[in-house]
Amino acid sequence: MSVHQMPKCLPVRLVLRAYKLMGFKWVGGGNGAHDRLVKGHRFIPFPQKHIKKDVGIPMLKKNSRQSGESEEAFLSAVYD
């Protein structure tokens, strides 16, 4: 069981920092409306509209699934 619970939302800077700690790299220039976070053959589309906003639970959960990382690993990267 995770020590941390999924928050209602997170500042985008914490989300990007967490994925960077998990080995993802920021790659701009997705399909126009999205940039990407990439790690090996896995990628997470990241909507450009979220660049200066908080990221909510639905997007955090979707990103967690797409990354192949567990929510627990993501939350550990956010809070540690």
Protein backbone atom coordinates (compact mmCIF):
# COMPACT_ATOMS: atom_id res chain seq x y z
CA MET A 1 0.00 0.00 0.00
CA SER A 2 1.27 3.46 -0.90
CA VAL A 3 2.25 5.89 1.81
CA HIS A 4 1.09 8.73 -0.42
CA GLN A 5 -2.39 9.19 -1.87
CA MET A 6 -3.07 10.58 -5.32
CA PRO A 7 -3.74 14.31 -4.83
CA LYS A 8 -6.64 16.18 -6.44
CA CYS A 9 -4.12 17.99 -8.61
CA LEU A 10 -0.40 18.74 -8.81
CA PRO A 11 1.54 21.70 -10.16
CA VAL A 12 2.90 20.81 -13.59
CA ARG A 13 6.48 21.47 -12.42
CA LEU A 14 6.17 18.63 -9.86
CA VAL A 15 4.71 16.27 -12.46
CA LEU A 16 7.51 16.96 -14.94
CA ARG A 17 10.15 16.69 -12.20
CA ALA A 18 8.76 13.33 -11.10
CA TYR A 19 8.87 11.91 -14.62
CA LYS A 20 12.40 13.25 -15.07
CA LEU A 21 13.43 11.44 -11.86
CA MET A 22 11.86 8.27 -13.28
CA GLY A 23 14.04 8.56 -16.41
CA PHE A 24 11.70 10.29 -18.87
CA LYS A 25 12.97 13.05 -21.13
CA TRP A 26 10.95 16.02 -22.39
CA VAL A 27 10.54 15.97 -26.16
CA GLY A 28 8.64 18.85 -27.71
CA GLY A 29 6.84 18.81 -30.99
CA GLY A 30 4.29 16.08 -30.65
CA ASN A 31 1.25 16.37 -32.89
CA GLY A 32 0.82 20.11 -32.43
CA ALA A 33 -1.41 20.10 -29.38
CA HIS A 34 0.82 17.77 -27.34
CA ASP A 35 4.46 17.51 -26.39
CA ARG A 36 5.90 14.22 -25.17
CA LEU A 37 7.77 12.66 -22.31
CA VAL A 38 9.84 9.73 -23.61
CA LYS A 39 11.64 6.79 -21.96
CA GLY A 40 12.85 4.08 -24.31
CA HIS A 41 9.91 2.94 -26.42
CA ARG A 42 7.31 4.42 -24.02
CA PHE A 43 5.96 7.91 -24.32
CA ILE A 44 3.43 10.06 -22.55
CA PRO A 45 1.60 12.71 -24.59
CA PHE A 46 1.48 15.90 -22.54
CA PRO A 47 -1.10 18.54 -23.57
CA GLN A 48 0.49 21.92 -24.15
CA LYS A 49 -2.48 23.57 -22.43
CA HIS A 50 -1.23 22.06 -19.13
CA ILE A 51 2.23 23.60 -19.34
CA LYS A 52 1.24 26.47 -17.03
CA LYS A 53 -1.57 24.77 -15.08
CA ASP A 54 -2.11 22.16 -12.45
CA VAL A 55 -2.61 18.59 -13.59
CA GLY A 56 -5.73 16.81 -12.28
CA ILE A 57 -6.35 13.21 -11.23
CA PRO A 58 -7.73 11.93 -14.57
CA MET A 59 -4.63 13.06 -16.44
CA LEU A 60 -2.28 11.84 -13.68
CA LYS A 61 -3.88 8.37 -13.75
CA LYS A 62 -3.84 8.24 -17.55
CA ASN A 63 -0.18 9.30 -17.61
CA SER A 64 0.67 6.68 -15.01
CA ARG A 65 -0.87 3.94 -17.19
CA GLN A 66 0.82 5.21 -20.36
CA SER A 67 4.22 5.46 -18.68
CA GLY A 68 4.19 1.82 -17.60
CA GLU A 69 5.12 2.99 -14.09
CA SER A 70 2.93 2.37 -11.05
CA GLU A 71 1.07 5.19 -9.31
CA GLU A 72 3.16 4.35 -6.26
CA ALA A 73 6.42 4.89 -8.19
CA PHE A 74 5.09 8.18 -9.55
CA LEU A 75 4.00 9.42 -6.12
CA SER A 76 7.35 8.40 -4.65
CA ALA A 77 9.10 10.50 -7.30
CA VAL A 78 6.79 13.44 -6.57
CA TYR A 79 7.18 13.45 -2.81
CA ASP A 80 10.74 12.17 -2.29
